[in-house]
Amino acid sequence: QVQLTESGGGLVQAGGSLRLSCTPSGSIFSVDTMGWYRQAPGKERELVATITYSSNTNYADSVKGRFTISRDNAKDTVFLQMNSLRPEDTAVYYCYVSYLDARRSKYWGQGTQVTVSS
């Protein structure tokens, strides 16, 4: 079964930085779009950023200019560099990956906690 291994979350002060990583495993199919979503307590899960295989990116307005998504296709790893973090960025961050199989299967990571203190 496909597993998404996430790392890089933690507790940081406002203005600090974190770098999240996610590496999927367990599928013979090629990875297509990858990305990051987040969910804060009492709120719906929201898009943070996505990146296609050809490195076309899409960002939520709230993180533009502060976060950068990238990927290493040789390792099927997606990264999220988060700079100038704010308390409102506090959330559980979930890795997302879609595959180029017949059903365009989609998977989610278990989530990694990011907490930004003021």
N, C-alpha and C. Protein backbone atom coordinates (compact mmCIF):
# COMPACT_ATOMS: atom_id res chain seq x y z
N GLN A 1 0.84 -1.18 0.00
CA GLN A 1 0.00 0.00 0.00
C GLN A 1 0.89 1.24 0.00
N VAL A 2 0.40 2.29 -0.62
CA VAL A 2 1.15 3.53 -0.70
C VAL A 2 1.26 4.17 0.68
N GLN A 3 2.46 4.62 1.00
CA GLN A 3 2.70 5.36 2.23
C GLN A 3 3.42 6.65 1.90
N LEU A 4 3.03 7.71 2.59
CA LEU A 4 3.66 9.01 2.42
C LEU A 4 4.36 9.36 3.72
N THR A 5 5.67 9.48 3.66
CA THR A 5 6.47 9.77 4.84
C THR A 5 6.78 11.26 4.89
N GLU A 6 6.26 11.93 5.91
CA GLU A 6 6.42 13.36 6.07
C GLU A 6 7.41 13.65 7.19
N SER A 7 8.12 14.76 7.05
CA SER A 7 9.04 15.18 8.09
C SER A 7 9.24 16.68 8.02
N GLY A 8 9.77 17.25 9.08
CA GLY A 8 10.14 18.65 9.10
C GLY A 8 9.28 19.56 9.94
N GLY A 9 8.17 19.06 10.45
CA GLY A 9 7.32 19.89 11.29
C GLY A 9 7.95 20.14 12.64
N GLY A 10 7.37 21.08 13.37
CA GLY A 10 7.88 21.39 14.69
C GLY A 10 7.36 22.71 15.21
N LEU A 11 8.00 23.18 16.26
CA LEU A 11 7.65 24.43 16.91
C LEU A 11 8.70 25.48 16.59
N VAL A 12 8.25 26.62 16.07
CA VAL A 12 9.16 27.71 15.74
C VAL A 12 8.56 29.03 16.19
N GLN A 13 9.41 30.02 16.32
CA GLN A 13 8.96 31.36 16.65
C GLN A 13 8.52 32.10 15.39
N ALA A 14 7.65 33.07 15.57
CA ALA A 14 7.22 33.89 14.44
C ALA A 14 8.42 34.48 13.73
N GLY A 15 8.38 34.44 12.41
CA GLY A 15 9.49 34.91 11.60
C GLY A 15 10.49 33.84 11.25
N GLY A 16 10.37 32.69 11.86
CA GLY A 16 11.28 31.60 11.60
C GLY A 16 10.92 30.81 10.36
N SER A 17 11.68 29.74 10.13
CA SER A 17 11.51 28.93 8.94
C SER A 17 11.47 27.45 9.27
N LEU A 18 10.78 26.71 8.43
CA LEU A 18 10.76 25.26 8.48
C LEU A 18 10.77 24.73 7.06
N ARG A 19 11.27 23.52 6.90
CA ARG A 19 11.28 22.86 5.60
C ARG A 19 10.65 21.48 5.74
N LEU A 20 9.52 21.30 5.10
CA LEU A 20 8.81 20.03 5.13
C LEU A 20 9.22 19.17 3.95
N SER A 21 9.27 17.86 4.17
CA SER A 21 9.58 16.91 3.13
C SER A 21 8.56 15.79 3.13
N CYS A 22 8.31 15.24 1.96
CA CYS A 22 7.37 14.12 1.84
C CYS A 22 7.85 13.20 0.75
N THR A 23 7.97 11.93 1.08
CA THR A 23 8.41 10.92 0.12
C THR A 23 7.43 9.76 0.10
N PRO A 24 6.78 9.52 -1.03
CA PRO A 24 5.86 8.38 -1.13
C PRO A 24 6.61 7.11 -1.47
N SER A 25 5.99 5.99 -1.14
CA SER A 25 6.55 4.68 -1.46
C SER A 25 5.42 3.67 -1.57
N GLY A 26 5.70 2.56 -2.23
CA GLY A 26 4.75 1.47 -2.27
C GLY A 26 3.89 1.38 -3.52
N SER A 27 4.19 2.18 -4.54
CA SER A 27 3.42 2.13 -5.78
C SER A 27 4.35 1.96 -6.96
N ILE A 28 3.89 1.19 -7.95
CA ILE A 28 4.67 1.02 -9.17
C ILE A 28 4.35 2.09 -10.20
N PHE A 29 3.33 2.89 -9.94
CA PHE A 29 2.90 3.91 -10.89
C PHE A 29 3.69 5.20 -10.70
N SER A 30 3.69 6.00 -11.74
CA SER A 30 4.41 7.26 -11.70
C SER A 30 3.64 8.31 -10.92
N VAL A 31 4.38 9.13 -10.20
CA VAL A 31 3.78 10.21 -9.44
C VAL A 31 3.48 11.38 -10.36
N ASP A 32 2.31 11.95 -10.18
CA ASP A 32 1.93 13.13 -10.97
C ASP A 32 2.04 14.37 -10.08
N THR A 33 0.92 14.98 -9.76
CA THR A 33 0.95 16.18 -8.94
C THR A 33 1.18 15.84 -7.47
N MET A 34 1.96 16.67 -6.80
CA MET A 34 2.20 16.55 -5.37
C MET A 34 1.91 17.90 -4.73
N GLY A 35 1.71 17.89 -3.43
CA GLY A 35 1.45 19.16 -2.79
C GLY A 35 1.29 19.06 -1.29
N TRP A 36 0.91 20.20 -0.72
CA TRP A 36 0.69 20.32 0.71
C TRP A 36 -0.62 21.02 0.99
N TYR A 37 -1.35 20.49 1.95
CA TYR A 37 -2.56 21.10 2.47
C TYR A 37 -2.39 21.24 3.97
N ARG A 38 -3.23 22.06 4.58
CA ARG A 38 -3.15 22.22 6.03
C ARG A 38 -4.53 22.37 6.62
N GLN A 39 -4.63 22.03 7.90
CA GLN A 39 -5.89 22.15 8.61
C GLN A 39 -5.62 22.63 10.03
N ALA A 40 -6.21 23.77 10.35
CA ALA A 40 -6.12 24.32 11.69
C ALA A 40 -7.35 23.90 12.49
N PRO A 41 -7.25 23.90 13.82
CA PRO A 41 -8.40 23.51 14.65
C PRO A 41 -9.64 24.34 14.32
N GLY A 42 -10.75 23.66 14.11
CA GLY A 42 -12.00 24.33 13.83
C GLY A 42 -12.16 24.84 12.41
N LYS A 43 -11.20 24.55 11.55
CA LYS A 43 -11.26 25.02 10.17
C LYS A 43 -11.19 23.85 9.20
N GLU A 44 -11.59 24.11 7.97
CA GLU A 44 -11.52 23.10 6.93
C GLU A 44 -10.11 22.98 6.39
N ARG A 45 -9.81 21.82 5.84
CA ARG A 45 -8.52 21.63 5.20
C ARG A 45 -8.43 22.55 3.98
N GLU A 46 -7.30 23.20 3.82
CA GLU A 46 -7.13 24.14 2.74
C GLU A 46 -5.84 23.89 1.97
N LEU A 47 -5.86 24.27 0.72
CA LEU A 47 -4.68 24.18 -0.12
C LEU A 47 -3.59 25.11 0.37
N VAL A 48 -2.37 24.62 0.41
CA VAL A 48 -1.20 25.45 0.64
C VAL A 48 -0.46 25.66 -0.67
N ALA A 49 -0.06 24.58 -1.30
CA ALA A 49 0.66 24.66 -2.56
C ALA A 49 0.64 23.30 -3.25
N THR A 50 0.66 23.32 -4.57
CA THR A 50 0.79 22.10 -5.36
C THR A 50 1.85 22.30 -6.42
N ILE A 51 2.37 21.18 -6.91
CA ILE A 51 3.39 21.23 -7.95
C ILE A 51 3.22 20.03 -8.87
N THR A 52 3.22 20.28 -10.17
CA THR A 52 3.09 19.21 -11.14
C THR A 52 4.43 18.57 -11.42
N TYR A 53 4.41 17.49 -12.19
CA TYR A 53 5.65 16.80 -12.52
C TYR A 53 6.61 17.72 -13.27
N SER A 54 6.07 18.61 -14.07
CA SER A 54 6.89 19.54 -14.82
C SER A 54 7.21 20.81 -14.04
N SER A 55 6.87 20.82 -12.75
CA SER A 55 7.20 21.90 -11.82
C SER A 55 6.38 23.16 -11.99
N ASN A 56 5.18 23.04 -12.53
CA ASN A 56 4.25 24.15 -12.48
C ASN A 56 3.66 24.21 -11.07
N THR A 57 3.60 25.39 -10.49
CA THR A 57 3.20 25.53 -9.10
C THR A 57 1.94 26.35 -8.93
N ASN A 58 1.27 26.13 -7.81
CA ASN A 58 0.09 26.87 -7.44
C ASN A 58 0.13 27.09 -5.93
N TYR A 59 -0.12 28.33 -5.50
CA TYR A 59 -0.05 28.67 -4.09
C TYR A 59 -1.33 29.33 -3.61
N ALA A 60 -1.64 29.09 -2.34
CA ALA A 60 -2.70 29.86 -1.70
C ALA A 60 -2.24 31.30 -1.55
N ASP A 61 -3.17 32.23 -1.66
CA ASP A 61 -2.81 33.64 -1.54
C ASP A 61 -2.14 33.95 -0.20
N SER A 62 -2.53 33.25 0.84
CA SER A 62 -2.02 33.53 2.17
C SER A 62 -0.55 33.18 2.34
N VAL A 63 0.02 32.37 1.44
CA VAL A 63 1.41 31.96 1.59
C VAL A 63 2.30 32.44 0.46
N LYS A 64 1.74 33.08 -0.54
CA LYS A 64 2.54 33.56 -1.66
C LYS A 64 3.61 34.53 -1.18
N GLY A 65 4.82 34.32 -1.67
CA GLY A 65 5.94 35.15 -1.28
C GLY A 65 6.65 34.69 -0.04
N ARG A 66 6.06 33.76 0.69
CA ARG A 66 6.67 33.25 1.92
C ARG A 66 7.04 31.77 1.81
N PHE A 67 6.20 30.99 1.13
CA PHE A 67 6.44 29.56 1.00
C PHE A 67 6.88 29.24 -0.42
N THR A 68 7.69 28.20 -0.55
CA THR A 68 8.13 27.72 -1.84
C THR A 68 8.02 26.20 -1.89
N ILE A 69 7.30 25.71 -2.88
CA ILE A 69 7.18 24.27 -3.06
C ILE A 69 8.13 23.85 -4.18
N SER A 70 8.74 22.68 -4.01
CA SER A 70 9.65 22.15 -5.01
C SER A 70 9.61 20.63 -4.96
N ARG A 71 10.22 19.98 -5.93
CA ARG A 71 10.22 18.53 -5.94
C ARG A 71 11.49 18.00 -6.58
N ASP A 72 11.84 16.80 -6.19
CA ASP A 72 12.96 16.07 -6.76
C ASP A 72 12.35 14.84 -7.41
N ASN A 73 12.21 14.88 -8.73
CA ASN A 73 11.54 13.79 -9.43
C ASN A 73 12.31 12.48 -9.36
N ALA A 74 13.62 12.55 -9.26
CA ALA A 74 14.42 11.34 -9.15
C ALA A 74 14.13 10.59 -7.86
N LYS A 75 13.75 11.32 -6.82
CA LYS A 75 13.45 10.72 -5.53
C LYS A 75 11.96 10.71 -5.20
N ASP A 76 11.16 11.28 -6.10
CA ASP A 76 9.71 11.42 -5.87
C ASP A 76 9.43 12.10 -4.54
N THR A 77 10.20 13.13 -4.25
CA THR A 77 10.07 13.85 -3.00
C THR A 77 9.61 15.28 -3.24
N VAL A 78 8.68 15.73 -2.42
CA VAL A 78 8.20 17.10 -2.50
C VAL A 78 8.61 17.84 -1.23
N PHE A 79 8.97 19.10 -1.39
CA PHE A 79 9.41 19.93 -0.28
C PHE A 79 8.53 21.16 -0.16
N LEU A 80 8.45 21.69 1.03
CA LEU A 80 7.80 22.97 1.26
C LEU A 80 8.69 23.79 2.16
N GLN A 81 9.33 24.80 1.58
CA GLN A 81 10.15 25.72 2.35
C GLN A 81 9.25 26.83 2.86
N MET A 82 9.15 26.97 4.16
CA MET A 82 8.27 27.94 4.79
C MET A 82 9.11 28.99 5.50
N ASN A 83 9.06 30.20 5.01
CA ASN A 83 9.79 31.31 5.60
C ASN A 83 8.81 32.33 6.16
N SER A 84 9.31 33.21 7.00
CA SER A 84 8.51 34.27 7.60
C SER A 84 7.22 33.72 8.20
N LEU A 85 7.35 32.67 8.96
CA LEU A 85 6.18 32.01 9.51
C LEU A 85 5.43 32.91 10.49
N ARG A 86 4.12 32.77 10.48
CA ARG A 86 3.23 33.54 11.33
C ARG A 86 2.42 32.61 12.20
N PRO A 87 1.92 33.10 13.34
CA PRO A 87 1.08 32.24 14.19
C PRO A 87 -0.11 31.64 13.44
N GLU A 88 -0.66 32.36 12.49
CA GLU A 88 -1.79 31.85 11.73
C GLU A 88 -1.43 30.72 10.78
N ASP A 89 -0.14 30.44 10.63
CA ASP A 89 0.29 29.28 9.85
C ASP A 89 0.21 28.00 10.67
N THR A 90 -0.05 28.11 11.95
CA THR A 90 -0.15 26.94 12.81
C THR A 90 -1.25 26.01 12.32
N ALA A 91 -0.90 24.77 12.07
CA ALA A 91 -1.85 23.79 11.55
C ALA A 91 -1.16 22.45 11.42
N VAL A 92 -1.95 21.43 11.13
CA VAL A 92 -1.40 20.16 10.71
C VAL A 92 -1.24 20.21 9.20
N TYR A 93 -0.07 19.93 8.72
CA TYR A 93 0.22 19.98 7.30
C TYR A 93 0.22 18.57 6.73
N TYR A 94 -0.52 18.38 5.66
CA TYR A 94 -0.69 17.08 5.04
C TYR A 94 -0.07 17.04 3.65
N CYS A 95 0.72 16.04 3.41
CA CYS A 95 1.27 15.81 2.09
C CYS A 95 0.21 15.17 1.19
N TYR A 96 0.23 15.53 -0.07
CA TYR A 96 -0.72 15.03 -1.06
C TYR A 96 0.04 14.53 -2.29
N VAL A 97 -0.41 13.41 -2.83
CA VAL A 97 0.20 12.90 -4.05
C VAL A 97 -0.85 12.22 -4.91
N SER A 98 -0.78 12.44 -6.19
CA SER A 98 -1.64 11.76 -7.15
C SER A 98 -0.77 10.95 -8.10
N TYR A 99 -1.33 9.87 -8.63
CA TYR A 99 -0.59 8.96 -9.48
C TYR A 99 -1.17 8.88 -10.88
N LEU A 100 -0.33 8.51 -11.82
CA LEU A 100 -0.74 8.35 -13.21
C LEU A 100 -1.19 6.93 -13.48
N ASP A 101 -2.11 6.45 -12.67
CA ASP A 101 -2.75 5.18 -12.93
C ASP A 101 -4.12 5.44 -13.55
N ALA A 102 -4.84 4.37 -13.86
CA ALA A 102 -6.11 4.50 -14.56
C ALA A 102 -7.13 5.32 -13.77
N ARG A 103 -7.08 5.23 -12.45
CA ARG A 103 -8.03 5.93 -11.60
C ARG A 103 -7.52 7.26 -11.07
N ARG A 104 -6.34 7.63 -11.46
CA ARG A 104 -5.70 8.84 -10.95
C ARG A 104 -5.79 8.85 -9.42
N SER A 105 -5.28 7.80 -8.82
CA SER A 105 -5.36 7.62 -7.37
C SER A 105 -4.71 8.78 -6.62
N LYS A 106 -5.31 9.10 -5.47
CA LYS A 106 -4.84 10.19 -4.62
C LYS A 106 -4.62 9.68 -3.21
N TYR A 107 -3.56 10.15 -2.58
CA TYR A 107 -3.22 9.73 -1.24
C TYR A 107 -2.82 10.92 -0.38
N TRP A 108 -3.02 10.74 0.92
CA TRP A 108 -2.70 11.76 1.90
C TRP A 108 -1.75 11.21 2.95
N GLY A 109 -0.84 12.04 3.39
CA GLY A 109 0.02 11.67 4.49
C GLY A 109 -0.72 11.74 5.81
N GLN A 110 -0.07 11.30 6.87
CA GLN A 110 -0.68 11.32 8.19
C GLN A 110 -0.71 12.71 8.81
N GLY A 111 0.09 13.60 8.30
CA GLY A 111 0.12 14.96 8.78
C GLY A 111 1.28 15.21 9.72
N THR A 112 1.82 16.41 9.65
CA THR A 112 2.88 16.82 10.55
C THR A 112 2.52 18.18 11.14
N GLN A 113 2.67 18.31 12.45
CA GLN A 113 2.25 19.51 13.15
C GLN A 113 3.26 20.63 12.98
N VAL A 114 2.76 21.79 12.61
CA VAL A 114 3.56 23.01 12.56
C VAL A 114 2.94 24.01 13.52
N THR A 115 3.72 24.44 14.50
CA THR A 115 3.24 25.40 15.48
C THR A 115 4.15 26.62 15.48
N VAL A 116 3.56 27.78 15.30
CA VAL A 116 4.31 29.03 15.25
C VAL A 116 3.90 29.88 16.45
N SER A 117 4.84 30.17 17.31
CA SER A 117 4.56 30.96 18.50
C SER A 117 4.85 32.43 18.24
N SER A 118 4.15 33.29 18.96
CA SER A 118 4.34 34.73 18.83
C SER A 118 5.29 35.28 19.87
